Amino acid sequence: AFRAADAALPCPAPPRPDAPLLLPPGFGTPGPEGPVSILLDTDMLTDCDDVAALALLLELERAGLAHILGVAVSSACPASAAAVSAVNTFYGRSDIPVGAPKNGTGFRRDDSCFLDALAREFPHPVADNDDAEDAVRLMRRLLAAAPDRSVKLVTIGYLSNLDGLLRSGPDECSPLAGPALCAAKIREWVCMTGNFPDDPAIDNVNFTRDAPAALRAVRAWPGTVTFVGRDIGHNIFVGDRFHDLPEPHPLRRAYQLHRGRFGENWDHHTADPSTILYAVCGLGPWFARQGGRLYLRDDCSFTWEPGPVGRMSYLLQVADRTETARVIDALTRPCHAPATAVPQPSPCTRPAGR
């Protein structure tokens, strides 16, 4: 398990190396229920923080705190699934099943500055989105196999796949329709989106780029949801120390291509890594919870009505943002060598997870 002392291993130290990391007591020991089972849904398209979020999740799995069931991609860009598969493979988890949107769903842009490079420069068993499993079927299959109320669904992108899941009917994976399957298997949906408490829908791309899907998914969600707003991650920055990662490294390469366009300082917002930190590690000393209700309008703008913590809540930042950034950086960049031998499952025999 990861310990605060692990940050002091002989590798480049974060700023203020003499100060302890802001970690809760006993951090690094899984709770009584064991590692947190995570089903991740990422757009993996235009922003390098999706790569950092996936790398952080894989490191937390190495530390014994998480168990990754699968990764769905909500981007229709052909290289998105390949990039996810490349990162998984680099960390020795090429067996993680990867899904992608099918039948014209998902959102596509062709201006990513790093996807094609990751797919070209790093090995990956999933060739592209066409080669990936249908994302909705993947989610249904993994949820059906999971114990009841055991899964955290984490969305750090568009809600195309979640909308498809909620609108899905009984099939060979499960006799339950989408809403009933989610209610039975998912203990919490952790959703990165928006600016809290009120959002005019100017820059909330996780809702607006597939607005019909976002409206249906949020309004039909049958269980507990925690929103992680841009007001959290867009004020916490990491990335410049990714210069220190060994080459070749997909995380370093993504930030080099994305952030290097603007200069030598690669620091970038952590909208998606902050979401992973909460999903796996909880509130810790970093966050608090605001209860109430989200009123989502048809144009994807929203207003939050405060109230008791119940079915809906959003995160509040309570720790110093620089200290939270140090934690995210240290957990994402622990000293390790990538796996040298990774299994390459055939597309027709992808396992359901480790």
Protein backbone atom coordinates (compact mmCIF):
# COMPACT_ATOMS: atom_id res chain seq x y z
CA ALA A 1 0.00 0.00 0.00
CA PHE A 2 1.12 3.54 -0.69
CA ARG A 3 2.42 5.40 2.35
CA ALA A 4 3.25 9.06 2.78
CA ALA A 5 6.90 8.01 3.08
CA ASP A 6 6.79 6.60 -0.45
CA ALA A 7 6.88 10.16 -1.76
CA ALA A 8 10.41 10.43 -0.36
CA LEU A 9 11.82 7.56 -2.41
CA PRO A 10 14.93 8.53 -4.44
CA CYS A 11 13.25 10.39 -7.26
CA PRO A 12 12.71 14.11 -7.95
CA ALA A 13 11.06 15.55 -4.85
CA PRO A 14 7.96 17.74 -5.07
CA PRO A 15 8.11 21.35 -3.87
CA ARG A 16 8.64 21.67 -0.12
CA PRO A 17 10.19 18.19 0.18
CA ASP A 18 10.59 18.71 3.92
CA ALA A 19 6.83 19.00 4.45
CA PRO A 20 4.66 15.89 4.85
CA LEU A 21 1.99 15.27 2.28
CA LEU A 22 -1.55 16.18 3.24
CA LEU A 23 -2.88 12.66 3.70
CA PRO A 24 -5.49 11.29 6.11
CA PRO A 25 -4.40 9.03 8.99
CA GLY A 26 -3.91 5.45 7.84
CA PHE A 27 -3.82 6.43 4.18
CA GLY A 28 -2.65 3.56 1.99
CA THR A 29 -4.64 0.86 3.75
CA PRO A 30 -7.82 -0.26 1.96
CA GLY A 31 -11.05 0.02 3.93
CA PRO A 32 -12.90 -2.97 5.34
CA GLU A 33 -14.50 -3.61 1.95
CA GLY A 34 -11.14 -3.74 0.19
CA PRO A 35 -10.04 -1.77 -2.88
CA VAL A 36 -12.65 0.50 -4.47
CA SER A 37 -14.12 -1.05 -7.63
CA ILE A 38 -14.01 1.60 -10.36
CA LEU A 39 -15.75 1.68 -13.73
CA LEU A 40 -14.25 4.67 -15.53
CA ASP A 41 -15.82 6.58 -18.42
CA THR A 42 -13.48 9.12 -20.05
CA ASP A 43 -13.72 11.26 -23.17
CA MET A 44 -9.93 10.91 -23.79
CA LEU A 45 -9.97 13.43 -26.58
CA THR A 46 -8.67 16.99 -26.42
CA ASP A 47 -7.31 17.43 -22.88
CA CYS A 48 -4.23 15.76 -21.41
CA ASP A 49 -5.70 15.66 -17.89
CA ASP A 50 -7.63 12.53 -18.92
CA VAL A 51 -4.25 10.81 -19.34
CA ALA A 52 -3.20 12.05 -15.89
CA ALA A 53 -6.47 10.82 -14.39
CA LEU A 54 -6.04 7.36 -15.88
CA ALA A 55 -2.40 7.24 -14.78
CA LEU A 56 -3.40 8.26 -11.24
CA LEU A 57 -6.09 5.58 -11.16
CA LEU A 58 -3.61 2.94 -12.33
CA GLU A 59 -1.13 4.02 -9.65
CA LEU A 60 -3.81 3.84 -6.97
CA GLU A 61 -4.60 0.34 -8.18
CA ARG A 62 -0.90 -0.56 -7.88
CA ALA A 63 -1.08 0.74 -4.31
CA GLY A 64 -3.97 -1.62 -3.54
CA LEU A 65 -6.57 1.13 -3.11
CA ALA A 66 -8.53 0.63 -6.33
CA HIS A 67 -9.61 -2.15 -8.65
CA ILE A 68 -10.30 -1.08 -12.23
CA LEU A 69 -13.15 -3.06 -13.75
CA GLY A 70 -13.01 -1.41 -17.16
CA VAL A 71 -12.67 1.85 -19.06
CA ALA A 72 -15.32 3.18 -21.43
CA VAL A 73 -14.53 5.96 -23.89
CA SER A 74 -17.21 8.54 -24.72
CA SER A 75 -15.21 10.10 -27.58
CA ALA A 76 -15.95 8.97 -31.12
CA CYS A 77 -12.42 9.83 -32.25
CA PRO A 78 -10.94 6.54 -33.55
CA ALA A 79 -7.70 6.85 -31.56
CA SER A 80 -9.36 7.43 -28.18
CA ALA A 81 -9.72 3.76 -27.26
CA ALA A 82 -6.20 3.07 -28.54
CA ALA A 83 -4.77 5.81 -26.30
CA VAL A 84 -6.55 4.37 -23.26
CA SER A 85 -5.27 0.91 -24.14
CA ALA A 86 -1.74 2.27 -24.57
CA VAL A 87 -1.73 3.84 -21.09
CA ASN A 88 -3.19 0.69 -19.54
CA THR A 89 -0.58 -1.45 -21.29
CA PHE A 90 2.30 0.76 -20.18
CA TYR A 91 1.22 0.22 -16.57
CA GLY A 92 1.01 -3.54 -17.05
CA ARG A 93 -2.78 -3.69 -17.32
CA SER A 94 -3.40 -4.43 -20.99
CA ASP A 95 -6.09 -6.82 -19.77
CA ILE A 96 -8.41 -3.98 -18.68
CA PRO A 97 -11.40 -4.12 -21.04
CA VAL A 98 -11.95 -0.96 -23.08
CA GLY A 99 -15.26 0.11 -24.61
CA ALA A 100 -16.13 2.79 -27.14
CA PRO A 101 -19.36 4.39 -28.41
CA LYS A 102 -21.04 2.66 -31.32
CA ASN A 103 -23.89 3.34 -33.74
CA GLY A 104 -23.13 7.03 -34.19
CA THR A 105 -23.06 7.90 -30.49
CA GLY A 106 -20.34 9.85 -28.68
CA PHE A 107 -18.79 13.19 -29.57
CA ARG A 108 -15.97 13.61 -32.07
CA ARG A 109 -13.33 16.25 -32.70
CA ASP A 110 -10.26 15.69 -34.83
CA ASP A 111 -7.95 18.29 -33.29
CA SER A 112 -6.35 16.28 -30.49
CA CYS A 113 -2.63 16.97 -30.25
CA PHE A 114 -1.65 13.75 -28.44
CA LEU A 115 -4.01 10.84 -29.20
CA ASP A 116 -2.41 9.75 -32.45
CA ALA A 117 1.08 9.98 -30.93
CA LEU A 118 0.15 7.76 -27.97
CA ALA A 119 -1.44 5.24 -30.33
CA ARG A 120 1.59 5.30 -32.63
CA GLU A 121 4.40 5.29 -30.08
CA PHE A 122 3.15 2.87 -27.40
CA PRO A 123 1.90 -0.73 -27.72
CA HIS A 124 -1.79 -1.42 -27.21
CA PRO A 125 -3.97 -4.48 -27.86
CA VAL A 126 -7.09 -2.40 -28.68
CA ALA A 127 -6.38 -1.01 -32.15
CA ASP A 128 -9.01 1.74 -32.25
CA ASN A 129 -12.61 2.52 -31.35
CA ASP A 130 -13.91 0.03 -33.90
CA ASP A 131 -11.83 -2.70 -32.28
CA ALA A 132 -13.11 -1.86 -28.79
CA GLU A 133 -16.16 -3.47 -27.30
CA ASP A 134 -19.42 -1.54 -27.45
CA ALA A 135 -19.23 0.77 -24.43
CA VAL A 136 -22.81 0.20 -23.29
CA ARG A 137 -22.46 -3.56 -23.54
CA LEU A 138 -19.15 -3.38 -21.68
CA MET A 139 -20.75 -1.43 -18.85
CA ARG A 140 -23.72 -3.81 -18.68
CA ARG A 141 -21.43 -6.85 -18.69
CA LEU A 142 -19.14 -5.56 -15.95
CA LEU A 143 -21.98 -4.32 -13.77
CA ALA A 144 -23.88 -7.60 -14.08
CA ALA A 145 -20.81 -9.51 -12.87
CA ALA A 146 -20.18 -7.19 -9.91
CA PRO A 147 -21.58 -7.66 -6.38
CA ASP A 148 -24.57 -5.51 -5.54
CA ARG A 149 -23.83 -1.89 -4.59
CA SER A 150 -20.10 -2.40 -5.07
CA VAL A 151 -19.15 -0.22 -8.05
CA LYS A 152 -18.24 3.44 -8.29
CA LEU A 153 -19.01 4.76 -11.75
CA VAL A 154 -16.69 7.68 -12.54
CA THR A 155 -17.42 9.89 -15.55
CA ILE A 156 -14.74 12.39 -16.60
CA GLY A 157 -16.21 13.24 -19.96
CA TYR A 158 -19.42 13.27 -21.94
CA LEU A 159 -22.42 11.28 -20.76
CA SER A 160 -23.13 9.53 -24.05
CA ASN A 161 -22.39 6.06 -22.72
CA LEU A 162 -24.21 6.57 -19.44
CA ASP A 163 -27.28 7.72 -21.36
CA GLY A 164 -27.06 4.58 -23.48
CA LEU A 165 -26.68 2.44 -20.37
CA LEU A 166 -29.74 3.97 -18.74
CA ARG A 167 -31.79 3.47 -21.91
CA SER A 168 -30.62 -0.12 -22.41
CA GLY A 169 -32.94 -3.07 -22.00
CA PRO A 170 -32.48 -6.63 -20.74
CA ASP A 171 -29.97 -8.68 -22.71
CA GLU A 172 -27.65 -11.65 -22.41
CA CYS A 173 -25.59 -9.74 -19.81
CA SER A 174 -28.45 -9.08 -17.40
CA PRO A 175 -32.23 -9.46 -17.23
CA LEU A 176 -32.38 -5.94 -15.75
CA ALA A 177 -33.02 -2.80 -17.76
CA GLY A 178 -30.45 -0.03 -17.44
CA PRO A 179 -31.94 1.96 -14.54
CA ALA A 180 -32.53 -1.16 -12.44
CA LEU A 181 -29.04 -2.49 -13.22
CA CYS A 182 -27.45 0.80 -12.16
CA ALA A 183 -29.52 0.96 -8.99
CA ALA A 184 -28.57 -2.60 -8.08
CA LYS A 185 -24.83 -2.45 -8.78
CA ILE A 186 -23.59 1.14 -8.52
CA ARG A 187 -23.13 2.59 -5.04
CA GLU A 188 -22.13 6.06 -6.28
CA TRP A 189 -21.84 7.94 -9.54
CA VAL A 190 -18.96 10.42 -9.41
CA CYS A 191 -19.45 12.98 -12.17
CA MET A 192 -16.88 15.58 -13.21
CA THR A 193 -18.77 18.53 -14.66
CA GLY A 194 -19.74 22.14 -14.41
CA ASN A 195 -19.09 25.15 -12.22
CA PHE A 196 -20.79 25.07 -8.84
CA PRO A 197 -23.08 26.27 -7.44
CA ASP A 198 -24.40 27.92 -10.63
CA ASP A 199 -23.35 27.29 -14.22
CA PRO A 200 -24.45 29.32 -17.28
CA ALA A 201 -23.37 26.49 -19.64
CA ILE A 202 -20.63 28.52 -21.30
CA ASP A 203 -17.73 26.13 -20.73
CA ASN A 204 -19.30 23.00 -19.24
CA VAL A 205 -18.30 20.81 -22.18
CA ASN A 206 -18.98 17.53 -20.38
CA PHE A 207 -22.66 18.41 -20.56
CA THR A 208 -22.94 20.61 -23.64
CA ARG A 209 -21.00 18.55 -26.20
CA ASP A 210 -23.65 15.85 -25.98
CA ALA A 211 -26.44 17.82 -24.38
CA PRO A 212 -29.33 15.40 -25.03
CA ALA A 213 -27.39 12.58 -23.39
CA ALA A 214 -26.45 14.74 -20.39
CA LEU A 215 -30.01 15.89 -19.83
CA ARG A 216 -31.41 12.38 -19.99
CA ALA A 217 -28.67 10.83 -17.84
CA VAL A 218 -28.80 13.37 -15.01
CA ARG A 219 -32.59 13.45 -14.92
CA ALA A 220 -32.98 9.66 -15.06
CA TRP A 221 -30.19 8.71 -12.65
CA PRO A 222 -31.68 6.34 -10.04
CA GLY A 223 -29.06 6.54 -7.30
CA THR A 224 -26.51 8.66 -5.48
CA VAL A 225 -24.39 11.13 -7.43
CA THR A 226 -21.47 13.34 -6.37
CA PHE A 227 -20.54 16.14 -8.74
CA VAL A 228 -16.92 17.31 -8.90
CA GLY A 229 -16.96 20.78 -10.41
CA ARG A 230 -14.50 22.75 -12.47
CA ASP A 231 -14.27 25.02 -9.43
CA ILE A 232 -12.23 22.22 -7.81
CA GLY A 233 -9.79 21.00 -10.42
CA HIS A 234 -9.44 24.21 -12.37
CA ASN A 235 -7.78 25.74 -9.33
CA ILE A 236 -5.41 22.81 -8.63
CA PHE A 237 -2.48 22.41 -11.02
CA VAL A 238 0.02 19.63 -11.68
CA GLY A 239 2.09 18.59 -14.66
CA ASP A 240 5.34 20.50 -14.68
CA ARG A 241 7.06 17.71 -12.76
CA PHE A 242 6.02 15.25 -15.46
CA HIS A 243 9.18 16.53 -17.17
CA ASP A 244 10.98 14.23 -14.70
CA LEU A 245 9.24 11.04 -15.84
CA PRO A 246 11.44 8.63 -17.78
CA GLU A 247 11.16 8.44 -21.53
CA PRO A 248 9.25 6.94 -23.17
CA HIS A 249 6.23 7.49 -20.91
CA PRO A 250 2.68 8.11 -22.17
CA LEU A 251 1.87 10.62 -19.42
CA ARG A 252 5.01 12.63 -20.10
CA ARG A 253 4.36 12.45 -23.85
CA ALA A 254 0.76 13.64 -23.56
CA TYR A 255 1.75 16.66 -21.48
CA GLN A 256 4.72 17.40 -23.72
CA LEU A 257 2.45 17.56 -26.76
CA HIS A 258 -0.49 19.31 -25.08
CA ARG A 259 1.20 21.70 -22.65
CA GLY A 260 4.50 22.06 -24.48
CA ARG A 261 2.72 24.15 -27.10
CA PHE A 262 2.52 26.95 -24.54
CA GLY A 263 6.03 26.84 -23.09
CA GLU A 264 8.18 24.85 -20.70
CA ASN A 265 5.78 24.98 -17.75
CA TRP A 266 3.46 21.99 -18.12
CA ASP A 267 1.28 22.73 -15.09
CA HIS A 268 -2.36 22.16 -16.01
CA HIS A 269 -5.71 21.95 -14.29
CA THR A 270 -6.71 18.72 -12.55
CA ALA A 271 -10.43 18.51 -13.21
CA ASP A 272 -10.18 14.80 -13.96
CA PRO A 273 -7.37 13.76 -11.56
CA SER A 274 -9.17 15.54 -8.68
CA THR A 275 -12.22 13.46 -9.50
CA ILE A 276 -10.17 10.26 -9.33
CA LEU A 277 -8.64 11.34 -6.00
CA TYR A 278 -12.10 11.70 -4.47
CA ALA A 279 -13.55 8.58 -6.11
CA VAL A 280 -10.83 6.29 -4.75
CA CYS A 281 -9.66 8.06 -1.58
CA GLY A 282 -12.83 9.83 -0.41
CA LEU A 283 -13.14 13.31 1.04
CA GLY A 284 -9.92 12.98 3.03
CA PRO A 285 -8.58 16.27 4.35
CA TRP A 286 -9.05 17.82 0.89
CA PHE A 287 -12.79 18.09 0.30
CA ALA A 288 -16.16 18.55 1.97
CA ARG A 289 -19.63 17.83 0.65
CA GLN A 290 -22.47 20.24 -0.13
CA GLY A 291 -25.87 18.64 -0.16
CA GLY A 292 -28.93 19.76 -2.03
CA ARG A 293 -30.32 19.41 -5.51
CA LEU A 294 -29.19 20.21 -9.04
CA TYR A 295 -31.74 21.98 -11.25
CA LEU A 296 -30.59 21.26 -14.80
CA ARG A 297 -32.16 23.37 -17.54
CA ASP A 298 -32.68 22.30 -21.13
CA ASP A 299 -29.67 24.35 -22.29
CA CYS A 300 -27.49 22.49 -19.74
CA SER A 301 -27.15 25.51 -17.49
CA PHE A 302 -27.92 24.69 -13.89
CA THR A 303 -28.55 26.06 -10.43
CA TRP A 304 -27.85 24.34 -7.14
CA GLU A 305 -30.37 24.52 -4.33
CA PRO A 306 -28.54 23.83 -1.02
CA GLY A 307 -30.01 21.29 1.36
CA PRO A 308 -29.14 18.27 3.46
CA VAL A 309 -26.67 15.75 2.07
CA GLY A 310 -28.76 13.11 0.37
CA ARG A 311 -28.99 11.64 -3.10
CA MET A 312 -27.14 14.58 -4.69
CA SER A 313 -24.09 16.52 -3.54
CA TYR A 314 -21.08 18.36 -4.90
CA LEU A 315 -17.55 18.75 -3.59
CA LEU A 316 -16.18 21.77 -1.79
CA GLN A 317 -12.44 22.45 -1.59
CA VAL A 318 -11.38 22.81 2.06
CA ALA A 319 -7.62 22.17 1.94
CA ASP A 320 -4.98 24.48 0.56
CA ARG A 321 -5.04 23.90 -3.19
CA THR A 322 -1.25 23.82 -3.44
CA GLU A 323 -1.13 21.04 -0.84
CA THR A 324 -3.83 19.09 -2.67
CA ALA A 325 -1.81 19.49 -5.86
CA ARG A 326 1.24 18.03 -4.09
CA VAL A 327 -0.80 14.97 -3.14
CA ILE A 328 -2.09 14.43 -6.69
CA ASP A 329 1.40 14.89 -8.09
CA ALA A 330 3.01 12.49 -5.59
CA LEU A 331 0.38 9.80 -6.16
CA THR A 332 0.61 10.12 -9.93
CA ARG A 333 4.42 10.04 -10.11
CA PRO A 334 5.67 7.44 -7.61
CA CYS A 335 9.05 5.94 -8.48
CA HIS A 336 8.58 2.78 -10.48
CA ALA A 337 9.61 1.09 -13.68
CA PRO A 338 6.89 0.21 -16.18
CA ALA A 339 6.05 -3.43 -16.64
CA THR A 340 8.30 -5.09 -19.21
CA ALA A 341 6.08 -8.05 -20.03
CA VAL A 342 2.40 -7.40 -20.57
CA PRO A 343 -0.24 -9.83 -21.79
CA GLN A 344 -1.83 -9.05 -25.14
CA PRO A 345 -5.36 -10.48 -25.04
CA SER A 346 -7.08 -11.06 -28.34
CA PRO A 347 -10.07 -8.77 -29.05
CA CYS A 348 -12.48 -11.71 -28.94
CA THR A 349 -11.33 -12.94 -25.52
CA ARG A 350 -11.05 -9.76 -23.50
CA PRO A 351 -11.35 -10.66 -19.81
CA ALA A 352 -13.93 -8.91 -17.67
CA GLY A 353 -11.25 -7.63 -15.31
CA ARG A 354 -8.66 -8.89 -12.91
